[in-house]
């Protein structure tokens, strides 16, 4: 497993990172099997594990904590805070009050005394970024976290956070975690260049685009067609139909290149010079095995050019993909009144 340096942190991390969202009630409820999957990933050379407090209401962190016991020094451990952990509005966001509570909860569940990368899961429009960075800097000085990062920040929010850190003397975000796949290339236009400009590491998630690029069956069928993200699989929507057409073409291209579609998809993301590591989020052992088999696949320029012909650089095939919008749009009627 090849490694890269995570931005300016000096941390050497594997090009594949293990995303733990599917461990627990949100995916695989078998703790023992999930632990074995984590061990398989570590044995294969993956050294970066990424989870979050909100994944299965903390269950994912508990599973990760069990798995890395006795191997903690070999792991770059990343988790996240910021999304709602219950109905109480004070148990979410970027306030100092919540950050200090959230980190203690995560440390307890992970059964560790420090977190290597503590990430803000989404920007918080209700809290001054200065407040957030000040609290996170206190935690770095206390030795509870080693570095901080953001997730799903817009270019403007990345810049604002960097400026606030410089002007107020805070520790700054060293990484960004955006969604990135062949079907969601919008981050190429501004997010990735902005991260590069500030020397930030980039951990991308969703290389298979919620199963669209998994190569397994009809991505619009089954459990994916229900719940909060159902609209991203509704073929009556023009953007979804465009995705289905692109996937058909990409499937044919992968077959022509002699590659499984998920190997093509993950290798594409790894090929971008801004990307430090690609988060893979398997639910079952066979999913992990399939993805690990493609860890060394590299795409030549001709193949990348043909992908560009199917999905142009900087384009999200379906602009409605991201049903959690980090920045409330001005068209949101709720913003008209306090």
C-alpha atoms as a PDB file:
ATOM      1  CA  UNK A   1       0.000   0.000   0.000  1.00  0.00           C
ATOM      2  CA  UNK A   2       1.563   3.276  -1.118  1.00  0.00           C
ATOM      3  CA  UNK A   3       1.636   6.241   1.239  1.00  0.00           C
ATOM      4  CA  UNK A   4       1.476  10.000   0.986  1.00  0.00           C
ATOM      5  CA  UNK A   5       2.065  12.840   3.452  1.00  0.00           C
ATOM      6  CA  UNK A   6      -1.148  14.383   4.795  1.00  0.00           C
ATOM      7  CA  UNK A   7      -0.781  18.033   3.862  1.00  0.00           C
ATOM      8  CA  UNK A   8       1.726  19.782   6.123  1.00  0.00           C
ATOM      9  CA  UNK A   9       1.127  17.523   9.139  1.00  0.00           C
ATOM     10  CA  UNK A  10       4.097  15.263   8.417  1.00  0.00           C
ATOM     11  CA  UNK A  11       1.817  12.254   8.914  1.00  0.00           C
ATOM     12  CA  UNK A  12       2.420   9.408   6.467  1.00  0.00           C
ATOM     13  CA  UNK A  13      -0.920   7.885   5.486  1.00  0.00           C
ATOM     14  CA  UNK A  14      -1.958   5.112   3.123  1.00  0.00           C
ATOM     15  CA  UNK A  15      -3.523   6.055  -0.212  1.00  0.00           C
ATOM     16  CA  UNK A  16      -6.554   4.050   0.848  1.00  0.00           C
ATOM     17  CA  UNK A  17      -8.172   5.013   4.131  1.00  0.00           C
ATOM     18  CA  UNK A  18     -10.769   2.856   5.841  1.00  0.00           C
ATOM     19  CA  UNK A  19     -14.045   4.705   6.329  1.00  0.00           C
ATOM     20  CA  UNK A  20     -15.981   3.252   9.263  1.00  0.00           C
ATOM     21  CA  UNK A  21     -19.464   4.628   8.559  1.00  0.00           C
ATOM     22  CA  UNK A  22     -20.796   1.164   7.725  1.00  0.00           C
ATOM     23  CA  UNK A  23     -19.711  -0.391  11.026  1.00  0.00           C
ATOM     24  CA  UNK A  24     -22.672  -0.534  13.400  1.00  0.00           C
ATOM     25  CA  UNK A  25     -26.408  -0.045  13.048  1.00  0.00           C
ATOM     26  CA  UNK A  26     -26.007   1.972   9.829  1.00  0.00           C
ATOM     27  CA  UNK A  27     -24.454  -1.025   8.069  1.00  0.00           C
ATOM     28  CA  UNK A  28     -22.822  -4.123   9.535  1.00  0.00           C
ATOM     29  CA  UNK A  29     -24.226  -4.859  13.003  1.00  0.00           C
ATOM     30  CA  UNK A  30     -21.829  -7.760  13.632  1.00  0.00           C
ATOM     31  CA  UNK A  31     -19.105  -6.244  15.814  1.00  0.00           C
ATOM     32  CA  UNK A  32     -16.781  -9.226  15.549  1.00  0.00           C
ATOM     33  CA  UNK A  33     -16.958  -9.250  11.756  1.00  0.00           C
ATOM     34  CA  UNK A  34     -16.420  -5.488  11.629  1.00  0.00           C
ATOM     35  CA  UNK A  35     -13.359  -5.819  13.856  1.00  0.00           C
ATOM     36  CA  UNK A  36     -11.989  -8.537  11.580  1.00  0.00           C
ATOM     37  CA  UNK A  37     -12.506  -6.248   8.574  1.00  0.00           C
ATOM     38  CA  UNK A  38     -10.542  -3.497  10.289  1.00  0.00           C
ATOM     39  CA  UNK A  39      -7.740  -5.953  11.033  1.00  0.00           C
ATOM     40  CA  UNK A  40      -7.775  -7.100   7.385  1.00  0.00           C
ATOM     41  CA  UNK A  41      -7.419  -3.492   6.250  1.00  0.00           C
ATOM     42  CA  UNK A  42      -4.540  -2.860   8.671  1.00  0.00           C
ATOM     43  CA  UNK A  43      -2.798  -6.058   7.592  1.00  0.00           C
ATOM     44  CA  UNK A  44      -3.130  -4.932   3.959  1.00  0.00           C
ATOM     45  CA  UNK A  45      -1.223  -1.725   4.724  1.00  0.00           C
ATOM     46  CA  UNK A  46      -4.028   0.737   5.425  1.00  0.00           C
ATOM     47  CA  UNK A  47      -3.008   2.872   8.395  1.00  0.00           C
ATOM     48  CA  UNK A  48      -5.666   5.626   8.350  1.00  0.00           C
ATOM     49  CA  UNK A  49      -9.093   4.891   9.862  1.00  0.00           C
ATOM     50  CA  UNK A  50     -11.807   7.530   9.625  1.00  0.00           C
ATOM     51  CA  UNK A  51     -14.990   7.481  11.680  1.00  0.00           C
ATOM     52  CA  UNK A  52     -17.375   9.993  13.315  1.00  0.00           C
ATOM     53  CA  UNK A  53     -19.373  10.395  16.499  1.00  0.00           C
ATOM     54  CA  UNK A  54     -22.626  10.440  14.529  1.00  0.00           C
ATOM     55  CA  UNK A  55     -22.046   7.104  12.772  1.00  0.00           C
ATOM     56  CA  UNK A  56     -24.567   4.732  14.342  1.00  0.00           C
ATOM     57  CA  UNK A  57     -24.798   7.150  17.284  1.00  0.00           C
ATOM     58  CA  UNK A  58     -21.252   6.379  18.418  1.00  0.00           C
ATOM     59  CA  UNK A  59     -21.337   2.631  17.765  1.00  0.00           C
ATOM     60  CA  UNK A  60     -18.830   2.928  14.926  1.00  0.00           C
ATOM     61  CA  UNK A  61     -16.305   4.591  17.238  1.00  0.00           C
ATOM     62  CA  UNK A  62     -16.794   1.794  19.794  1.00  0.00           C
ATOM     63  CA  UNK A  63     -16.087  -0.849  17.125  1.00  0.00           C
ATOM     64  CA  UNK A  64     -12.998   0.998  15.892  1.00  0.00           C
ATOM     65  CA  UNK A  65     -11.773   1.309  19.477  1.00  0.00           C
ATOM     66  CA  UNK A  66     -12.092  -2.443  19.968  1.00  0.00           C
ATOM     67  CA  UNK A  67     -10.278  -3.179  16.708  1.00  0.00           C
ATOM     68  CA  UNK A  68      -7.242  -0.968  17.298  1.00  0.00           C
ATOM     69  CA  UNK A  69      -6.644  -2.049  20.877  1.00  0.00           C
ATOM     70  CA  UNK A  70      -3.038  -3.233  20.990  1.00  0.00           C
ATOM     71  CA  UNK A  71      -2.363  -1.646  17.576  1.00  0.00           C
ATOM     72  CA  UNK A  72      -2.993   2.017  18.383  1.00  0.00           C
ATOM     73  CA  UNK A  73       0.551   3.147  17.576  1.00  0.00           C
ATOM     74  CA  UNK A  74       0.204   1.753  14.044  1.00  0.00           C
ATOM     75  CA  UNK A  75      -2.968   3.711  13.290  1.00  0.00           C
ATOM     76  CA  UNK A  76      -3.615   7.294  12.211  1.00  0.00           C
ATOM     77  CA  UNK A  77      -7.000   7.717  13.867  1.00  0.00           C
ATOM     78  CA  UNK A  78      -9.457  10.268  12.508  1.00  0.00           C
ATOM     79  CA  UNK A  79     -12.941  11.070  13.723  1.00  0.00           C
ATOM     80  CA  UNK A  80     -15.414  13.892  13.307  1.00  0.00           C
ATOM     81  CA  UNK A  81     -17.785  16.101  15.287  1.00  0.00           C
ATOM     82  CA  UNK A  82     -20.498  18.606  14.448  1.00  0.00           C
ATOM     83  CA  UNK A  83     -23.558  16.741  13.201  1.00  0.00           C
ATOM     84  CA  UNK A  84     -26.499  16.343  15.581  1.00  0.00           C
ATOM     85  CA  UNK A  85     -26.051  13.844  18.407  1.00  0.00           C
ATOM     86  CA  UNK A  86     -29.659  13.970  19.581  1.00  0.00           C
ATOM     87  CA  UNK A  87     -32.499  16.476  19.668  1.00  0.00           C
ATOM     88  CA  UNK A  88     -30.771  18.997  21.925  1.00  0.00           C
ATOM     89  CA  UNK A  89     -29.543  21.846  19.682  1.00  0.00           C
ATOM     90  CA  UNK A  90     -26.507  22.243  21.955  1.00  0.00           C
ATOM     91  CA  UNK A  91     -25.321  18.709  21.080  1.00  0.00           C
ATOM     92  CA  UNK A  92     -24.137  19.653  17.605  1.00  0.00           C
ATOM     93  CA  UNK A  93     -22.222  22.321  15.710  1.00  0.00           C
ATOM     94  CA  UNK A  94     -18.973  24.112  16.421  1.00  0.00           C
ATOM     95  CA  UNK A  95     -19.455  25.810  19.790  1.00  0.00           C
ATOM     96  CA  UNK A  96     -16.689  25.470  22.372  1.00  0.00           C
ATOM     97  CA  UNK A  97     -19.214  23.984  24.778  1.00  0.00           C
ATOM     98  CA  UNK A  98     -20.077  21.147  22.432  1.00  0.00           C
ATOM     99  CA  UNK A  99     -16.558  20.529  21.099  1.00  0.00           C
ATOM    100  CA  UNK A 100     -15.158  19.924  24.586  1.00  0.00           C
ATOM    101  CA  UNK A 101     -18.010  17.522  25.355  1.00  0.00           C
ATOM    102  CA  UNK A 102     -17.861  15.786  21.968  1.00  0.00           C
ATOM    103  CA  UNK A 103     -14.137  15.073  22.087  1.00  0.00           C
ATOM    104  CA  UNK A 104     -14.389  13.496  25.544  1.00  0.00           C
ATOM    105  CA  UNK A 105     -17.234  11.287  24.323  1.00  0.00           C
ATOM    106  CA  UNK A 106     -15.233  10.213  21.263  1.00  0.00           C
ATOM    107  CA  UNK A 107     -12.094   9.521  23.297  1.00  0.00           C
ATOM    108  CA  UNK A 108     -14.108   7.324  25.651  1.00  0.00           C
ATOM    109  CA  UNK A 109     -15.776   5.365  22.850  1.00  0.00           C
ATOM    110  CA  UNK A 110     -12.512   4.959  20.947  1.00  0.00           C
ATOM    111  CA  UNK A 111     -10.758   3.945  24.179  1.00  0.00           C
ATOM    112  CA  UNK A 112      -7.748   6.135  23.436  1.00  0.00           C
ATOM    113  CA  UNK A 113      -6.067   9.157  24.988  1.00  0.00           C
ATOM    114  CA  UNK A 114      -5.709  11.119  21.751  1.00  0.00           C
ATOM    115  CA  UNK A 115      -7.137  11.559  18.252  1.00  0.00           C
ATOM    116  CA  UNK A 116      -4.698  12.118  15.393  1.00  0.00           C
ATOM    117  CA  UNK A 117      -7.090  14.075  13.150  1.00  0.00           C
ATOM    118  CA  UNK A 118     -10.231  15.705  14.568  1.00  0.00           C
ATOM    119  CA  UNK A 119     -12.508  16.971  11.802  1.00  0.00           C
ATOM    120  CA  UNK A 120     -15.492  19.301  11.742  1.00  0.00           C
ATOM    121  CA  UNK A 121     -18.124  17.204   9.960  1.00  0.00           C
ATOM    122  CA  UNK A 122     -19.926  20.179   8.416  1.00  0.00           C
ATOM    123  CA  UNK A 123     -19.521  23.959   8.635  1.00  0.00           C
ATOM    124  CA  UNK A 124     -21.702  25.534  11.321  1.00  0.00           C
ATOM    125  CA  UNK A 125     -23.343  28.742  10.014  1.00  0.00           C
ATOM    126  CA  UNK A 126     -24.512  29.602  13.543  1.00  0.00           C
ATOM    127  CA  UNK A 127     -21.058  29.685  15.173  1.00  0.00           C
ATOM    128  CA  UNK A 128     -18.150  32.032  14.499  1.00  0.00           C
ATOM    129  CA  UNK A 129     -15.286  29.968  13.089  1.00  0.00           C
ATOM    130  CA  UNK A 130     -13.011  31.834  15.529  1.00  0.00           C
ATOM    131  CA  UNK A 131     -14.920  30.206  18.416  1.00  0.00           C
ATOM    132  CA  UNK A 132     -14.494  26.774  16.855  1.00  0.00           C
ATOM    133  CA  UNK A 133     -10.792  27.129  16.070  1.00  0.00           C
ATOM    134  CA  UNK A 134     -10.058  28.507  19.544  1.00  0.00           C
ATOM    135  CA  UNK A 135     -11.663  25.457  21.181  1.00  0.00           C
ATOM    136  CA  UNK A 136      -9.863  23.051  18.847  1.00  0.00           C
ATOM    137  CA  UNK A 137      -6.545  24.792  19.484  1.00  0.00           C
ATOM    138  CA  UNK A 138      -7.069  24.337  23.221  1.00  0.00           C
ATOM    139  CA  UNK A 139      -7.520  20.600  22.641  1.00  0.00           C
ATOM    140  CA  UNK A 140      -4.299  20.426  20.618  1.00  0.00           C
ATOM    141  CA  UNK A 141      -2.401  22.178  23.398  1.00  0.00           C
ATOM    142  CA  UNK A 142      -3.962  19.766  25.898  1.00  0.00           C
ATOM    143  CA  UNK A 143      -2.673  16.809  23.841  1.00  0.00           C
ATOM    144  CA  UNK A 144      -6.122  15.358  23.214  1.00  0.00           C
ATOM    145  CA  UNK A 145      -5.942  15.877  19.448  1.00  0.00           C
ATOM    146  CA  UNK A 146      -2.951  16.217  17.142  1.00  0.00           C
ATOM    147  CA  UNK A 147      -4.344  17.985  14.066  1.00  0.00           C
ATOM    148  CA  UNK A 148      -7.656  19.412  12.867  1.00  0.00           C
ATOM    149  CA  UNK A 149      -9.530  19.413   9.589  1.00  0.00           C
ATOM    150  CA  UNK A 150     -12.837  20.181   7.925  1.00  0.00           C
ATOM    151  CA  UNK A 151     -15.320  18.208   5.884  1.00  0.00           C
ATOM    152  CA  UNK A 152     -17.661  19.405   3.149  1.00  0.00           C
ATOM    153  CA  UNK A 153     -16.416  23.004   3.450  1.00  0.00           C
ATOM    154  CA  UNK A 154     -16.947  25.288   0.482  1.00  0.00           C
ATOM    155  CA  UNK A 155     -13.901  27.107  -0.948  1.00  0.00           C
ATOM    156  CA  UNK A 156     -15.034  30.302   0.754  1.00  0.00           C
ATOM    157  CA  UNK A 157     -15.363  28.553   4.099  1.00  0.00           C
ATOM    158  CA  UNK A 158     -11.923  26.964   3.717  1.00  0.00           C
ATOM    159  CA  UNK A 159     -10.392  30.387   3.094  1.00  0.00           C
ATOM    160  CA  UNK A 160     -12.302  31.994   5.976  1.00  0.00           C
ATOM    161  CA  UNK A 161     -11.065  29.307   8.383  1.00  0.00           C
ATOM    162  CA  UNK A 162      -7.465  29.713   7.202  1.00  0.00           C
ATOM    163  CA  UNK A 163      -7.595  33.482   7.558  1.00  0.00           C
ATOM    164  CA  UNK A 164      -9.200  33.299  10.998  1.00  0.00           C
ATOM    165  CA  UNK A 165      -6.495  30.919  12.183  1.00  0.00           C
ATOM    166  CA  UNK A 166      -3.694  33.158  10.901  1.00  0.00           C
ATOM    167  CA  UNK A 167      -5.140  36.419  12.225  1.00  0.00           C
ATOM    168  CA  UNK A 168      -6.193  35.101  15.636  1.00  0.00           C
ATOM    169  CA  UNK A 169      -3.200  32.845  16.243  1.00  0.00           C
ATOM    170  CA  UNK A 170      -5.125  29.568  16.226  1.00  0.00           C
ATOM    171  CA  UNK A 171      -4.114  26.173  14.907  1.00  0.00           C
ATOM    172  CA  UNK A 172      -5.437  25.839  11.369  1.00  0.00           C
ATOM    173  CA  UNK A 173      -7.294  23.153   9.483  1.00  0.00           C
ATOM    174  CA  UNK A 174      -4.717  20.816   7.944  1.00  0.00           C
ATOM    175  CA  UNK A 175      -7.109  18.741   5.867  1.00  0.00           C
ATOM    176  CA  UNK A 176     -10.399  18.802   3.996  1.00  0.00           C
ATOM    177  CA  UNK A 177     -12.738  15.879   3.382  1.00  0.00           C
ATOM    178  CA  UNK A 178     -14.945  16.436   0.314  1.00  0.00           C
ATOM    179  CA  UNK A 179     -17.065  14.045  -1.735  1.00  0.00           C
ATOM    180  CA  UNK A 180     -15.300  13.105  -4.954  1.00  0.00           C
ATOM    181  CA  UNK A 181     -15.981  10.555  -7.663  1.00  0.00           C
ATOM    182  CA  UNK A 182     -16.139  10.318 -11.433  1.00  0.00           C
ATOM    183  CA  UNK A 183     -19.800  11.357 -11.183  1.00  0.00           C
ATOM    184  CA  UNK A 184     -19.192  14.212  -8.723  1.00  0.00           C
ATOM    185  CA  UNK A 185     -16.299  16.238 -10.076  1.00  0.00           C
ATOM    186  CA  UNK A 186     -17.493  19.662  -8.969  1.00  0.00           C
ATOM    187  CA  UNK A 187     -14.786  19.869  -6.288  1.00  0.00           C
ATOM    188  CA  UNK A 188     -12.132  19.911  -9.014  1.00  0.00           C
ATOM    189  CA  UNK A 189     -13.004  23.476  -9.953  1.00  0.00           C
ATOM    190  CA  UNK A 190     -12.461  25.256  -6.622  1.00  0.00           C
ATOM    191  CA  UNK A 191     -12.361  23.028  -3.537  1.00  0.00           C
ATOM    192  CA  UNK A 192      -9.314  20.953  -4.510  1.00  0.00           C
ATOM    193  CA  UNK A 193      -7.292  23.920  -5.829  1.00  0.00           C
ATOM    194  CA  UNK A 194      -8.073  25.883  -2.654  1.00  0.00           C
ATOM    195  CA  UNK A 195      -6.931  23.007  -0.470  1.00  0.00           C
ATOM    196  CA  UNK A 196      -3.726  22.751  -2.513  1.00  0.00           C
ATOM    197  CA  UNK A 197      -3.125  26.485  -2.176  1.00  0.00           C
ATOM    198  CA  UNK A 198      -3.145  26.191   1.612  1.00  0.00           C
ATOM    199  CA  UNK A 199      -1.070  23.014   1.726  1.00  0.00           C
ATOM    200  CA  UNK A 200      -3.967  20.956   3.077  1.00  0.00           C
ATOM    201  CA  UNK A 201      -4.280  17.213   2.831  1.00  0.00           C
ATOM    202  CA  UNK A 202      -7.408  15.940   1.098  1.00  0.00           C
ATOM    203  CA  UNK A 203      -9.277  12.829   2.221  1.00  0.00           C
ATOM    204  CA  UNK A 204     -12.053  12.144  -0.264  1.00  0.00           C
ATOM    205  CA  UNK A 205     -15.169  10.101   0.416  1.00  0.00           C
ATOM    206  CA  UNK A 206     -17.738   8.455  -1.832  1.00  0.00           C
ATOM    207  CA  UNK A 207     -15.513   7.175  -4.675  1.00  0.00           C
ATOM    208  CA  UNK A 208     -18.278   4.714  -5.642  1.00  0.00           C
ATOM    209  CA  UNK A 209     -20.930   7.437  -5.342  1.00  0.00           C
ATOM    210  CA  UNK A 210     -23.278   5.590  -2.968  1.00  0.00           C
ATOM    211  CA  UNK A 211     -23.136   2.409  -5.030  1.00  0.00           C
ATOM    212  CA  UNK A 212     -23.558   3.915  -8.484  1.00  0.00           C
ATOM    213  CA  UNK A 213     -20.005   2.855  -9.380  1.00  0.00           C
ATOM    214  CA  UNK A 214     -19.938  -0.398  -7.412  1.00  0.00           C
ATOM    215  CA  UNK A 215     -20.610  -2.498 -10.508  1.00  0.00           C
ATOM    216  CA  UNK A 216     -23.116  -4.566  -8.499  1.00  0.00           C
ATOM    217  CA  UNK A 217     -26.647  -4.695  -9.911  1.00  0.00           C
ATOM    218  CA  UNK A 218     -29.022  -1.770 -10.379  1.00  0.00           C
ATOM    219  CA  UNK A 219     -27.949   1.138  -8.122  1.00  0.00           C
ATOM    220  CA  UNK A 220     -31.493   2.571  -8.147  1.00  0.00           C
ATOM    221  CA  UNK A 221     -33.028  -0.580  -6.631  1.00  0.00           C
ATOM    222  CA  UNK A 222     -33.270  -1.873  -3.091  1.00  0.00           C
ATOM    223  CA  UNK A 223     -32.648   0.043   0.127  1.00  0.00           C
ATOM    224  CA  UNK A 224     -31.063   3.008  -1.663  1.00  0.00           C
ATOM    225  CA  UNK A 225     -34.423   4.077  -3.127  1.00  0.00           C
ATOM    226  CA  UNK A 226     -35.797   4.934   0.334  1.00  0.00           C
ATOM    227  CA  UNK A 227     -34.868   7.404   3.054  1.00  0.00           C
ATOM    228  CA  UNK A 228     -33.247  10.820   3.052  1.00  0.00           C
ATOM    229  CA  UNK A 229     -31.200  10.206  -0.096  1.00  0.00           C
ATOM    230  CA  UNK A 230     -33.970   8.629  -2.175  1.00  0.00           C
ATOM    231  CA  UNK A 231     -34.092  11.519  -4.605  1.00  0.00           C
ATOM    232  CA  UNK A 232     -30.540  10.718  -5.724  1.00  0.00           C
ATOM    233  CA  UNK A 233     -31.833   7.388  -7.122  1.00  0.00           C
ATOM    234  CA  UNK A 234     -35.147   8.605  -8.592  1.00  0.00           C
ATOM    235  CA  UNK A 235     -34.937   8.032 -12.355  1.00  0.00           C
ATOM    236  CA  UNK A 236     -37.758  10.496 -12.969  1.00  0.00           C
ATOM    237  CA  UNK A 237     -35.227  13.254 -12.216  1.00  0.00           C
ATOM    238  CA  UNK A 238     -33.137  14.420 -15.190  1.00  0.00           C
ATOM    239  CA  UNK A 239     -29.893  14.442 -13.181  1.00  0.00           C
ATOM    240  CA  UNK A 240     -30.410  10.866 -12.032  1.00  0.00           C
ATOM    241  CA  UNK A 241     -31.128   9.725 -15.575  1.00  0.00           C
ATOM    242  CA  UNK A 242     -27.912  11.442 -16.672  1.00  0.00           C
ATOM    243  CA  UNK A 243     -26.016   9.503 -14.002  1.00  0.00           C
ATOM    244  CA  UNK A 244     -27.504   6.216 -15.168  1.00  0.00           C
ATOM    245  CA  UNK A 245     -26.384   6.997 -18.722  1.00  0.00           C
ATOM    246  CA  UNK A 246     -22.869   7.922 -17.553  1.00  0.00           C
ATOM    247  CA  UNK A 247     -22.593   4.738 -15.484  1.00  0.00           C
ATOM    248  CA  UNK A 248     -23.529   2.649 -18.510  1.00  0.00           C
ATOM    249  CA  UNK A 249     -20.737   4.269 -20.526  1.00  0.00           C
ATOM    250  CA  UNK A 250     -18.227   3.968 -17.676  1.00  0.00           C
ATOM    251  CA  UNK A 251     -19.084   0.303 -17.220  1.00  0.00           C
ATOM    252  CA  UNK A 252     -18.331  -0.323 -20.885  1.00  0.00           C
ATOM    253  CA  UNK A 253     -15.092   1.651 -20.627  1.00  0.00           C
ATOM    254  CA  UNK A 254     -13.958  -0.313 -17.562  1.00  0.00           C
ATOM    255  CA  UNK A 255     -14.689  -3.607 -19.318  1.00  0.00           C
ATOM    256  CA  UNK A 256     -12.712  -2.463 -22.355  1.00  0.00           C
ATOM    257  CA  UNK A 257      -9.792  -1.555 -20.067  1.00  0.00           C
ATOM    258  CA  UNK A 258     -10.013  -4.941 -18.329  1.00  0.00           C
ATOM    259  CA  UNK A 259     -10.859  -3.395 -14.968  1.00  0.00           C
ATOM    260  CA  UNK A 260     -13.745  -3.862 -12.532  1.00  0.00           C
ATOM    261  CA  UNK A 261     -15.750  -0.636 -12.412  1.00  0.00           C
ATOM    262  CA  UNK A 262     -14.944   0.079  -8.706  1.00  0.00           C
ATOM    263  CA  UNK A 263     -11.218  -0.233  -9.422  1.00  0.00           C
ATOM    264  CA  UNK A 264     -11.558   2.288 -12.241  1.00  0.00           C
ATOM    265  CA  UNK A 265     -13.547   4.579  -9.967  1.00  0.00           C
ATOM    266  CA  UNK A 266     -11.149   4.551  -7.014  1.00  0.00           C
ATOM    267  CA  UNK A 267      -8.045   4.798  -9.211  1.00  0.00           C
ATOM    268  CA  UNK A 268      -9.563   7.848 -10.886  1.00  0.00           C
ATOM    269  CA  UNK A 269      -9.887   9.662  -7.556  1.00  0.00           C
ATOM    270  CA  UNK A 270      -6.360   8.680  -6.473  1.00  0.00           C
ATOM    271  CA  UNK A 271      -4.984  10.086  -9.718  1.00  0.00           C
ATOM    272  CA  UNK A 272      -5.784  13.704  -8.805  1.00  0.00           C
ATOM    273  CA  UNK A 273      -2.641  15.405  -7.453  1.00  0.00           C
ATOM    274  CA  UNK A 274      -4.563  17.134  -4.647  1.00  0.00           C
ATOM    275  CA  UNK A 275      -5.874  13.878  -3.174  1.00  0.00           C
ATOM    276  CA  UNK A 276      -3.943  12.390  -0.266  1.00  0.00           C
ATOM    277  CA  UNK A 277      -6.135   9.365   0.458  1.00  0.00           C
ATOM    278  CA  UNK A 278      -9.391   7.849  -0.763  1.00  0.00           C
ATOM    279  CA  UNK A 279     -11.834   6.710   1.894  1.00  0.00           C
ATOM    280  CA  UNK A 280     -13.351   3.333   1.150  1.00  0.00           C
ATOM    281  CA  UNK A 281     -16.398   2.363   3.211  1.00  0.00           C
ATOM    282  CA  UNK A 282     -17.088  -1.376   2.870  1.00  0.00           C
ATOM    283  CA  UNK A 283     -20.002  -2.982   4.708  1.00  0.00           C
ATOM    284  CA  UNK A 284     -19.087  -6.631   4.153  1.00  0.00           C
ATOM    285  CA  UNK A 285     -15.740  -8.492   4.019  1.00  0.00           C
ATOM    286  CA  UNK A 286     -16.192  -9.281   0.334  1.00  0.00           C
ATOM    287  CA  UNK A 287     -16.627  -5.565  -0.430  1.00  0.00           C
ATOM    288  CA  UNK A 288     -13.347  -4.821   1.343  1.00  0.00           C
ATOM    289  CA  UNK A 289     -11.554  -7.626  -0.491  1.00  0.00           C
ATOM    290  CA  UNK A 290     -12.802  -6.330  -3.858  1.00  0.00           C
ATOM    291  CA  UNK A 291     -11.573  -2.809  -3.127  1.00  0.00           C
ATOM    292  CA  UNK A 292      -8.203  -3.888  -1.736  1.00  0.00           C
ATOM    293  CA  UNK A 293      -7.588  -5.846  -4.939  1.00  0.00           C
ATOM    294  CA  UNK A 294      -7.569  -2.551  -6.838  1.00  0.00           C
ATOM    295  CA  UNK A 295      -5.185  -0.676  -4.541  1.00  0.00           C
ATOM    296  CA  UNK A 296      -2.342  -0.664  -7.089  1.00  0.00           C
ATOM    297  CA  UNK A 297      -4.378   0.171 -10.200  1.00  0.00           C
ATOM    298  CA  UNK A 298      -3.153   3.284 -12.001  1.00  0.00           C
ATOM    299  CA  UNK A 299      -4.905   4.882 -14.968  1.00  0.00           C
ATOM    300  CA  UNK A 300      -2.908   6.067 -17.953  1.00  0.00           C
ATOM    301  CA  UNK A 301      -3.605   9.427 -19.580  1.00  0.00           C
ATOM    302  CA  UNK A 302      -5.576   7.988 -22.513  1.00  0.00           C
ATOM    303  CA  UNK A 303      -8.017   6.319 -20.129  1.00  0.00           C
ATOM    304  CA  UNK A 304      -8.350   9.486 -18.034  1.00  0.00           C
ATOM    305  CA  UNK A 305      -9.077  11.413 -21.244  1.00  0.00           C
ATOM    306  CA  UNK A 306     -11.857   8.984 -22.120  1.00  0.00           C
ATOM    307  CA  UNK A 307     -13.355   9.402 -18.663  1.00  0.00           C
ATOM    308  CA  UNK A 308     -13.286  13.174 -19.291  1.00  0.00           C
ATOM    309  CA  UNK A 309     -15.273  12.587 -22.482  1.00  0.00           C
ATOM    310  CA  UNK A 310     -18.001  10.885 -20.440  1.00  0.00           C
ATOM    311  CA  UNK A 311     -17.974  13.260 -17.443  1.00  0.00           C
ATOM    312  CA  UNK A 312     -16.185  16.562 -18.097  1.00  0.00           C
ATOM    313  CA  UNK A 313     -13.780  17.895 -15.448  1.00  0.00           C
ATOM    314  CA  UNK A 314     -15.389  20.021 -12.744  1.00  0.00           C
ATOM    315  CA  UNK A 315     -18.916  18.717 -13.398  1.00  0.00           C
ATOM    316  CA  UNK A 316     -21.374  17.065 -11.028  1.00  0.00           C
ATOM    317  CA  UNK A 317     -23.532  14.886 -13.266  1.00  0.00           C
ATOM    318  CA  UNK A 318     -26.460  15.251 -10.883  1.00  0.00           C
ATOM    319  CA  UNK A 319     -26.328  18.583  -9.020  1.00  0.00           C
ATOM    320  CA  UNK A 320     -28.921  17.228  -6.572  1.00  0.00           C
ATOM    321  CA  UNK A 321     -26.621  14.482  -5.296  1.00  0.00           C
ATOM    322  CA  UNK A 322     -25.778  16.104  -1.989  1.00  0.00           C
ATOM    323  CA  UNK A 323     -28.944  16.178   0.056  1.00  0.00           C
ATOM    324  CA  UNK A 324     -27.022  17.553   3.046  1.00  0.00           C
ATOM    325  CA  UNK A 325     -26.046  21.056   1.936  1.00  0.00           C
ATOM    326  CA  UNK A 326     -23.316  22.479   4.169  1.00  0.00           C
ATOM    327  CA  UNK A 327     -24.178  26.091   3.346  1.00  0.00           C
ATOM    328  CA  UNK A 328     -27.862  27.111   3.568  1.00  0.00           C
ATOM    329  CA  UNK A 329     -28.820  28.616   0.210  1.00  0.00           C
ATOM    330  CA  UNK A 330     -30.455  32.025   0.031  1.00  0.00           C
ATOM    331  CA  UNK A 331     -33.445  30.377  -1.625  1.00  0.00           C
ATOM    332  CA  UNK A 332     -34.192  28.558   1.638  1.00  0.00           C
ATOM    333  CA  UNK A 333     -37.392  30.224   2.852  1.00  0.00           C
ATOM    334  CA  UNK A 334     -36.418  29.583   6.453  1.00  0.00           C
ATOM    335  CA  UNK A 335     -33.692  32.206   6.102  1.00  0.00           C
ATOM    336  CA  UNK A 336     -36.176  35.006   5.400  1.00  0.00           C
ATOM    337  CA  UNK A 337     -37.049  35.381   9.063  1.00  0.00           C
ATOM    338  CA  UNK A 338     -35.245  34.837  12.325  1.00  0.00           C
END
